[in-house]
Amino acid sequence: MPEAFRRPGAGTLAGLALSVGVIGAWLALHALAVWRLDAAAAPGLALLCLVGLTWLSVGLFIVAHDAMHGAVAPGHPRLNRAIGSLSLLLYAGFSWRKLIVKHMAHHRHAGTDDDPDFGRGGPVTWYAQFVRTYFGWREFWVLGGATILYALILGPRWAYVAFWAVPSILASMQLFVFGTWLPHRPGQDAFPDRHNARSTRLSDPLSLLTCFHFGGYHHEHHLHPSVPWWRLPSTRRRRA
């Protein structure tokens, strides 16, 4: 049956609703912070906006990640690609094609020298390699062009940098620590299987706040890559 005529299932509708919710919340909070907020008059609210945008930026990347696995709208590859591409564009101007190739390589070669996400040395060295792998000229020009456009519309203000670039950078650190370094770093505790991945076993609220469950349930993700972020806790409970 053609993709356009497939009847969406409950999982598809839930995945779409949550993905649209994350994207919509990021857009709304970003617009509020950049266009309406007087940070000097309300520094506490500005800090809350920064924290919220950082967490939602993590969410944008996780939505794109689920879309790469076809988990946002199962059975609808074009819809997954559209939602994933939009999420990556809002997050930091990333290329869908580039990231999906690298992410599939990560799953095939997790924790080895052929894994584009794997790094040697301490977390700082590994994070620097992580950034070099994913941030290139495309991202520089997309973000630079967006900054220039904002400057032409709003004038020279720091708000569009503070409430886009800064949350994206902080989110990249959060994604790296909880979604890559902690689950994949070699350590004294052996990995459970060939996936070279471990779950950090955080409580569900902390797992959600840190990395949309991709830290607390990272091993489960490698075992079941087509399971979306919001179903990872129940997936572990069913396996227990």
C-alpha atoms as a PDB file:
ATOM      1  CA  MET A   1       0.000   0.000   0.000  1.00  0.00           C
ATOM      2  CA  PRO A   2       1.402   3.487  -0.862  1.00  0.00           C
ATOM      3  CA  GLU A   3       2.828   5.344   2.113  1.00  0.00           C
ATOM      4  CA  ALA A   4       0.317   8.192   1.808  1.00  0.00           C
ATOM      5  CA  PHE A   5      -2.657   5.827   2.245  1.00  0.00           C
ATOM      6  CA  ARG A   6      -1.437   3.800   5.201  1.00  0.00           C
ATOM      7  CA  ARG A   7      -3.634   4.121   8.269  1.00  0.00           C
ATOM      8  CA  PRO A   8      -1.556   5.470  11.186  1.00  0.00           C
ATOM      9  CA  GLY A   9      -1.479   3.213  14.238  1.00  0.00           C
ATOM     10  CA  ALA A  10      -1.601   4.255  17.873  1.00  0.00           C
ATOM     11  CA  GLY A  11       2.215   4.140  18.110  1.00  0.00           C
ATOM     12  CA  THR A  12       2.560   6.401  15.094  1.00  0.00           C
ATOM     13  CA  LEU A  13       0.062   8.923  16.464  1.00  0.00           C
ATOM     14  CA  ALA A  14       1.769   8.960  19.873  1.00  0.00           C
ATOM     15  CA  GLY A  15       5.225   9.332  18.318  1.00  0.00           C
ATOM     16  CA  LEU A  16       4.026  12.152  16.083  1.00  0.00           C
ATOM     17  CA  ALA A  17       2.248  13.933  18.941  1.00  0.00           C
ATOM     18  CA  LEU A  18       5.319  13.812  21.189  1.00  0.00           C
ATOM     19  CA  SER A  19       7.665  14.873  18.384  1.00  0.00           C
ATOM     20  CA  VAL A  20       5.440  17.779  17.366  1.00  0.00           C
ATOM     21  CA  GLY A  21       5.150  18.679  21.046  1.00  0.00           C
ATOM     22  CA  VAL A  22       8.934  18.882  21.469  1.00  0.00           C
ATOM     23  CA  ILE A  23       9.399  20.880  18.253  1.00  0.00           C
ATOM     24  CA  GLY A  24       6.471  23.177  19.047  1.00  0.00           C
ATOM     25  CA  ALA A  25       7.639  23.778  22.615  1.00  0.00           C
ATOM     26  CA  TRP A  26      11.140  24.657  21.394  1.00  0.00           C
ATOM     27  CA  LEU A  27       9.771  27.078  18.789  1.00  0.00           C
ATOM     28  CA  ALA A  28       7.419  28.731  21.273  1.00  0.00           C
ATOM     29  CA  LEU A  29      10.040  29.136  24.018  1.00  0.00           C
ATOM     30  CA  HIS A  30      12.675  30.295  21.524  1.00  0.00           C
ATOM     31  CA  ALA A  31      10.285  32.914  20.094  1.00  0.00           C
ATOM     32  CA  LEU A  32       9.348  34.097  23.581  1.00  0.00           C
ATOM     33  CA  ALA A  33      12.965  34.368  24.711  1.00  0.00           C
ATOM     34  CA  VAL A  34      14.258  36.086  21.561  1.00  0.00           C
ATOM     35  CA  TRP A  35      11.344  38.340  20.653  1.00  0.00           C
ATOM     36  CA  ARG A  36       9.563  39.155  23.902  1.00  0.00           C
ATOM     37  CA  LEU A  37      11.801  38.609  26.922  1.00  0.00           C
ATOM     38  CA  ASP A  38      13.652  41.481  28.561  1.00  0.00           C
ATOM     39  CA  ALA A  39      16.432  39.470  30.183  1.00  0.00           C
ATOM     40  CA  ALA A  40      17.817  42.478  32.064  1.00  0.00           C
ATOM     41  CA  ALA A  41      14.443  43.080  33.725  1.00  0.00           C
ATOM     42  CA  ALA A  42      13.761  39.389  34.402  1.00  0.00           C
ATOM     43  CA  PRO A  43      17.079  37.537  34.809  1.00  0.00           C
ATOM     44  CA  GLY A  44      15.452  34.637  36.650  1.00  0.00           C
ATOM     45  CA  LEU A  45      12.996  34.067  33.821  1.00  0.00           C
ATOM     46  CA  ALA A  46      15.843  34.344  31.299  1.00  0.00           C
ATOM     47  CA  LEU A  47      17.742  31.616  33.158  1.00  0.00           C
ATOM     48  CA  LEU A  48      14.646  29.387  33.162  1.00  0.00           C
ATOM     49  CA  CYS A  49      14.280  29.945  29.416  1.00  0.00           C
ATOM     50  CA  LEU A  50      17.928  28.994  28.897  1.00  0.00           C
ATOM     51  CA  VAL A  51      17.512  25.786  30.926  1.00  0.00           C
ATOM     52  CA  GLY A  52      14.262  24.948  29.156  1.00  0.00           C
ATOM     53  CA  LEU A  53      15.717  25.560  25.701  1.00  0.00           C
ATOM     54  CA  THR A  54      18.749  23.418  26.547  1.00  0.00           C
ATOM     55  CA  TRP A  55      16.530  20.494  27.527  1.00  0.00           C
ATOM     56  CA  LEU A  56      14.270  20.973  24.520  1.00  0.00           C
ATOM     57  CA  SER A  57      17.355  21.129  22.269  1.00  0.00           C
ATOM     58  CA  VAL A  58      18.312  17.716  23.622  1.00  0.00           C
ATOM     59  CA  GLY A  59      14.767  16.703  22.734  1.00  0.00           C
ATOM     60  CA  LEU A  60      15.139  17.997  19.179  1.00  0.00           C
ATOM     61  CA  PHE A  61      18.167  15.790  18.679  1.00  0.00           C
ATOM     62  CA  ILE A  62      16.407  12.774  20.215  1.00  0.00           C
ATOM     63  CA  VAL A  63      13.403  13.307  17.924  1.00  0.00           C
ATOM     64  CA  ALA A  64      15.773  13.366  14.941  1.00  0.00           C
ATOM     65  CA  HIS A  65      17.535  10.284  16.299  1.00  0.00           C
ATOM     66  CA  ASP A  66      14.242   8.386  16.576  1.00  0.00           C
ATOM     67  CA  ALA A  67      13.357   9.491  13.066  1.00  0.00           C
ATOM     68  CA  MET A  68      16.629   7.972  11.803  1.00  0.00           C
ATOM     69  CA  HIS A  69      15.426   4.632  13.172  1.00  0.00           C
ATOM     70  CA  GLY A  70      11.943   5.098  11.704  1.00  0.00           C
ATOM     71  CA  ALA A  71      10.511   5.292  15.229  1.00  0.00           C
ATOM     72  CA  VAL A  72       8.693   8.640  15.025  1.00  0.00           C
ATOM     73  CA  ALA A  73       6.233   7.435  12.387  1.00  0.00           C
ATOM     74  CA  PRO A  74       6.770   3.684  11.796  1.00  0.00           C
ATOM     75  CA  GLY A  75       6.144   2.712   8.190  1.00  0.00           C
ATOM     76  CA  HIS A  76       6.331   6.310   6.935  1.00  0.00           C
ATOM     77  CA  PRO A  77       9.964   6.936   5.883  1.00  0.00           C
ATOM     78  CA  ARG A  78       9.315  10.285   4.192  1.00  0.00           C
ATOM     79  CA  LEU A  79       7.533  11.617   7.261  1.00  0.00           C
ATOM     80  CA  ASN A  80      10.365  10.430   9.500  1.00  0.00           C
ATOM     81  CA  ARG A  81      12.871  12.140   7.217  1.00  0.00           C
ATOM     82  CA  ALA A  82      10.889  15.408   7.160  1.00  0.00           C
ATOM     83  CA  ILE A  83      10.504  15.564  10.944  1.00  0.00           C
ATOM     84  CA  GLY A  84      14.105  14.511  11.533  1.00  0.00           C
ATOM     85  CA  SER A  85      15.451  17.067   9.069  1.00  0.00           C
ATOM     86  CA  LEU A  86      13.431  19.880  10.664  1.00  0.00           C
ATOM     87  CA  SER A  87      14.575  18.896  14.154  1.00  0.00           C
ATOM     88  CA  LEU A  88      18.233  18.876  13.122  1.00  0.00           C
ATOM     89  CA  LEU A  89      17.877  22.209  11.332  1.00  0.00           C
ATOM     90  CA  LEU A  90      16.399  23.837  14.437  1.00  0.00           C
ATOM     91  CA  TYR A  91      18.952  22.205  16.708  1.00  0.00           C
ATOM     92  CA  ALA A  92      22.113  23.405  14.951  1.00  0.00           C
ATOM     93  CA  GLY A  93      21.669  23.322  11.177  1.00  0.00           C
ATOM     94  CA  PHE A  94      22.832  19.707  10.957  1.00  0.00           C
ATOM     95  CA  SER A  95      22.552  17.618   7.790  1.00  0.00           C
ATOM     96  CA  TRP A  96      20.112  14.699   7.953  1.00  0.00           C
ATOM     97  CA  ARG A  97      22.057  12.738   5.330  1.00  0.00           C
ATOM     98  CA  LYS A  98      25.392  13.159   7.114  1.00  0.00           C
ATOM     99  CA  LEU A  99      24.069  12.265  10.561  1.00  0.00           C
ATOM    100  CA  ILE A 100      22.057   9.226   9.543  1.00  0.00           C
ATOM    101  CA  VAL A 101      25.085   7.689   7.795  1.00  0.00           C
ATOM    102  CA  LYS A 102      27.267   8.261  10.847  1.00  0.00           C
ATOM    103  CA  HIS A 103      24.638   7.069  13.285  1.00  0.00           C
ATOM    104  CA  MET A 104      24.071   3.811  11.435  1.00  0.00           C
ATOM    105  CA  ALA A 105      27.858   3.305  11.489  1.00  0.00           C
ATOM    106  CA  HIS A 106      27.760   3.862  15.248  1.00  0.00           C
ATOM    107  CA  HIS A 107      25.248   1.049  15.642  1.00  0.00           C
ATOM    108  CA  ARG A 108      27.221  -1.318  13.418  1.00  0.00           C
ATOM    109  CA  HIS A 109      30.568  -0.641  15.133  1.00  0.00           C
ATOM    110  CA  ALA A 110      29.657   0.627  18.609  1.00  0.00           C
ATOM    111  CA  GLY A 111      32.638   1.118  20.882  1.00  0.00           C
ATOM    112  CA  THR A 112      35.285   0.326  18.248  1.00  0.00           C
ATOM    113  CA  ASP A 113      37.681   2.412  16.174  1.00  0.00           C
ATOM    114  CA  ASP A 114      35.160   2.265  13.294  1.00  0.00           C
ATOM    115  CA  ASP A 115      32.525   3.954  15.462  1.00  0.00           C
ATOM    116  CA  PRO A 116      32.362   7.692  14.555  1.00  0.00           C
ATOM    117  CA  ASP A 117      31.063   8.460  18.071  1.00  0.00           C
ATOM    118  CA  PHE A 118      33.828   6.594  19.888  1.00  0.00           C
ATOM    119  CA  GLY A 119      36.863   8.461  21.183  1.00  0.00           C
ATOM    120  CA  ARG A 120      40.048   7.748  23.039  1.00  0.00           C
ATOM    121  CA  GLY A 121      41.327   9.600  26.088  1.00  0.00           C
ATOM    122  CA  GLY A 122      39.363  11.465  28.723  1.00  0.00           C
ATOM    123  CA  PRO A 123      35.924  13.033  28.335  1.00  0.00           C
ATOM    124  CA  VAL A 124      37.260  16.453  27.233  1.00  0.00           C
ATOM    125  CA  THR A 125      39.352  14.949  24.402  1.00  0.00           C
ATOM    126  CA  TRP A 126      36.501  12.660  23.425  1.00  0.00           C
ATOM    127  CA  TYR A 127      34.006  15.558  23.400  1.00  0.00           C
ATOM    128  CA  ALA A 128      36.325  17.657  21.215  1.00  0.00           C
ATOM    129  CA  GLN A 129      36.493  14.781  18.732  1.00  0.00           C
ATOM    130  CA  PHE A 130      32.697  14.438  18.957  1.00  0.00           C
ATOM    131  CA  VAL A 131      32.255  18.108  18.026  1.00  0.00           C
ATOM    132  CA  ARG A 132      34.749  17.908  15.135  1.00  0.00           C
ATOM    133  CA  THR A 133      32.908  14.881  13.756  1.00  0.00           C
ATOM    134  CA  TYR A 134      29.514  16.575  13.582  1.00  0.00           C
ATOM    135  CA  PHE A 135      30.101  20.327  13.357  1.00  0.00           C
ATOM    136  CA  GLY A 136      31.467  21.448  10.005  1.00  0.00           C
ATOM    137  CA  TRP A 137      31.208  24.217   7.439  1.00  0.00           C
ATOM    138  CA  ARG A 138      27.532  23.527   6.692  1.00  0.00           C
ATOM    139  CA  GLU A 139      26.602  24.086  10.324  1.00  0.00           C
ATOM    140  CA  PHE A 140      28.826  27.169  10.503  1.00  0.00           C
ATOM    141  CA  TRP A 141      27.142  28.784   7.496  1.00  0.00           C
ATOM    142  CA  VAL A 142      23.592  27.824   8.506  1.00  0.00           C
ATOM    143  CA  LEU A 143      23.971  29.189  12.031  1.00  0.00           C
ATOM    144  CA  GLY A 144      25.955  32.198  10.801  1.00  0.00           C
ATOM    145  CA  GLY A 145      23.308  32.978   8.189  1.00  0.00           C
ATOM    146  CA  ALA A 146      20.524  32.675  10.769  1.00  0.00           C
ATOM    147  CA  THR A 147      22.399  35.039  13.100  1.00  0.00           C
ATOM    148  CA  ILE A 148      22.826  37.597  10.320  1.00  0.00           C
ATOM    149  CA  LEU A 149      19.120  37.317   9.450  1.00  0.00           C
ATOM    150  CA  TYR A 150      18.168  37.860  13.091  1.00  0.00           C
ATOM    151  CA  ALA A 151      20.496  40.871  13.241  1.00  0.00           C
ATOM    152  CA  LEU A 152      18.880  42.392  10.136  1.00  0.00           C
ATOM    153  CA  ILE A 153      15.403  41.947  11.634  1.00  0.00           C
ATOM    154  CA  LEU A 154      16.012  42.674  15.307  1.00  0.00           C
ATOM    155  CA  GLY A 155      19.216  44.680  15.245  1.00  0.00           C
ATOM    156  CA  PRO A 156      22.429  43.811  17.092  1.00  0.00           C
ATOM    157  CA  ARG A 157      21.114  41.945  20.134  1.00  0.00           C
ATOM    158  CA  TRP A 158      22.632  39.133  22.142  1.00  0.00           C
ATOM    159  CA  ALA A 159      19.302  37.344  22.708  1.00  0.00           C
ATOM    160  CA  TYR A 160      19.291  35.295  19.507  1.00  0.00           C
ATOM    161  CA  VAL A 161      22.768  33.970  20.318  1.00  0.00           C
ATOM    162  CA  ALA A 162      22.010  33.375  23.998  1.00  0.00           C
ATOM    163  CA  PHE A 163      18.762  31.544  23.279  1.00  0.00           C
ATOM    164  CA  TRP A 164      19.876  29.450  20.311  1.00  0.00           C
ATOM    165  CA  ALA A 165      23.641  28.944  20.114  1.00  0.00           C
ATOM    166  CA  VAL A 166      24.177  28.612  23.870  1.00  0.00           C
ATOM    167  CA  PRO A 167      21.390  26.033  24.430  1.00  0.00           C
ATOM    168  CA  SER A 168      22.654  24.042  21.431  1.00  0.00           C
ATOM    169  CA  ILE A 169      26.182  23.947  22.842  1.00  0.00           C
ATOM    170  CA  LEU A 170      24.986  23.007  26.331  1.00  0.00           C
ATOM    171  CA  ALA A 171      22.697  20.356  24.830  1.00  0.00           C
ATOM    172  CA  SER A 172      25.611  18.881  22.886  1.00  0.00           C
ATOM    173  CA  MET A 173      27.501  18.479  26.164  1.00  0.00           C
ATOM    174  CA  GLN A 174      24.463  16.893  27.796  1.00  0.00           C
ATOM    175  CA  LEU A 175      23.950  14.518  24.863  1.00  0.00           C
ATOM    176  CA  PHE A 176      27.617  13.611  24.852  1.00  0.00           C
ATOM    177  CA  VAL A 177      27.918  12.903  28.584  1.00  0.00           C
ATOM    178  CA  PHE A 178      24.660  11.001  29.073  1.00  0.00           C
ATOM    179  CA  GLY A 179      24.110   9.584  25.591  1.00  0.00           C
ATOM    180  CA  THR A 180      27.653   8.701  24.500  1.00  0.00           C
ATOM    181  CA  TRP A 181      30.406   8.916  27.109  1.00  0.00           C
ATOM    182  CA  LEU A 182      28.739   7.255  30.105  1.00  0.00           C
ATOM    183  CA  PRO A 183      27.095   4.446  28.064  1.00  0.00           C
ATOM    184  CA  HIS A 184      30.127   3.663  25.858  1.00  0.00           C
ATOM    185  CA  ARG A 185      33.247   4.540  27.841  1.00  0.00           C
ATOM    186  CA  PRO A 186      35.510   1.577  28.615  1.00  0.00           C
ATOM    187  CA  GLY A 187      35.642   0.906  32.339  1.00  0.00           C
ATOM    188  CA  GLN A 188      36.030  -1.632  35.054  1.00  0.00           C
ATOM    189  CA  ASP A 189      32.463  -2.877  34.606  1.00  0.00           C
ATOM    190  CA  ALA A 190      32.305  -5.038  31.491  1.00  0.00           C
ATOM    191  CA  PHE A 191      29.769  -4.400  28.763  1.00  0.00           C
ATOM    192  CA  PRO A 192      26.904  -6.921  28.781  1.00  0.00           C
ATOM    193  CA  ASP A 193      27.281  -7.923  25.120  1.00  0.00           C
ATOM    194  CA  ARG A 194      28.732  -7.079  21.693  1.00  0.00           C
ATOM    195  CA  HIS A 195      26.924  -3.715  21.553  1.00  0.00           C
ATOM    196  CA  ASN A 196      29.566  -2.213  23.886  1.00  0.00           C
ATOM    197  CA  ALA A 197      26.824  -0.189  25.548  1.00  0.00           C
ATOM    198  CA  ARG A 198      25.550   0.060  29.098  1.00  0.00           C
ATOM    199  CA  SER A 199      22.520   1.687  30.664  1.00  0.00           C
ATOM    200  CA  THR A 200      23.317   4.180  33.400  1.00  0.00           C
ATOM    201  CA  ARG A 201      20.365   2.998  35.501  1.00  0.00           C
ATOM    202  CA  LEU A 202      19.145   6.433  36.489  1.00  0.00           C
ATOM    203  CA  SER A 203      15.680   6.841  37.941  1.00  0.00           C
ATOM    204  CA  ASP A 204      13.054   7.437  35.265  1.00  0.00           C
ATOM    205  CA  PRO A 205      12.637  11.171  36.057  1.00  0.00           C
ATOM    206  CA  LEU A 206      16.427  11.719  35.908  1.00  0.00           C
ATOM    207  CA  SER A 207      16.695   9.560  32.804  1.00  0.00           C
ATOM    208  CA  LEU A 208      14.100  11.760  31.096  1.00  0.00           C
ATOM    209  CA  LEU A 209      15.661  15.029  32.245  1.00  0.00           C
ATOM    210  CA  THR A 210      19.221  14.115  31.304  1.00  0.00           C
ATOM    211  CA  CYS A 211      18.793  12.581  27.847  1.00  0.00           C
ATOM    212  CA  PHE A 212      15.173  11.569  27.127  1.00  0.00           C
ATOM    213  CA  HIS A 213      15.959   8.050  28.434  1.00  0.00           C
ATOM    214  CA  PHE A 214      18.937   7.484  26.109  1.00  0.00           C
ATOM    215  CA  GLY A 215      21.314   7.393  29.058  1.00  0.00           C
ATOM    216  CA  GLY A 216      19.292   5.422  31.546  1.00  0.00           C
ATOM    217  CA  TYR A 217      18.220   2.937  28.861  1.00  0.00           C
ATOM    218  CA  HIS A 218      21.063   3.053  26.356  1.00  0.00           C
ATOM    219  CA  HIS A 219      21.703  -0.683  26.249  1.00  0.00           C
ATOM    220  CA  GLU A 220      17.996  -1.254  25.629  1.00  0.00           C
ATOM    221  CA  HIS A 221      18.201   1.170  22.726  1.00  0.00           C
ATOM    222  CA  HIS A 222      21.032  -0.793  21.120  1.00  0.00           C
ATOM    223  CA  LEU A 223      19.084  -4.013  21.595  1.00  0.00           C
ATOM    224  CA  HIS A 224      15.888  -2.483  20.166  1.00  0.00           C
ATOM    225  CA  PRO A 225      16.860   0.538  18.003  1.00  0.00           C
ATOM    226  CA  SER A 226      13.377   0.912  16.515  1.00  0.00           C
ATOM    227  CA  VAL A 227      11.832   1.536  19.963  1.00  0.00           C
ATOM    228  CA  PRO A 228      11.200   5.282  20.493  1.00  0.00           C
ATOM    229  CA  TRP A 229      12.560   7.128  23.516  1.00  0.00           C
ATOM    230  CA  TRP A 230       9.264   7.176  25.373  1.00  0.00           C
ATOM    231  CA  ARG A 231       8.900   3.385  25.194  1.00  0.00           C
ATOM    232  CA  LEU A 232      12.363   2.450  26.465  1.00  0.00           C
ATOM    233  CA  PRO A 233      11.361   2.143  30.159  1.00  0.00           C
ATOM    234  CA  SER A 234       8.460  -0.208  29.371  1.00  0.00           C
ATOM    235  CA  THR A 235      10.727  -2.199  27.049  1.00  0.00           C
ATOM    236  CA  ARG A 236      13.088  -2.950  29.927  1.00  0.00           C
ATOM    237  CA  ARG A 237      10.187  -3.881  32.216  1.00  0.00           C
ATOM    238  CA  ARG A 238       8.837  -6.347  29.637  1.00  0.00           C
ATOM    239  CA  ARG A 239      12.282  -7.969  29.332  1.00  0.00           C
ATOM    240  CA  ALA A 240      12.758  -8.251  33.112  1.00  0.00           C
END
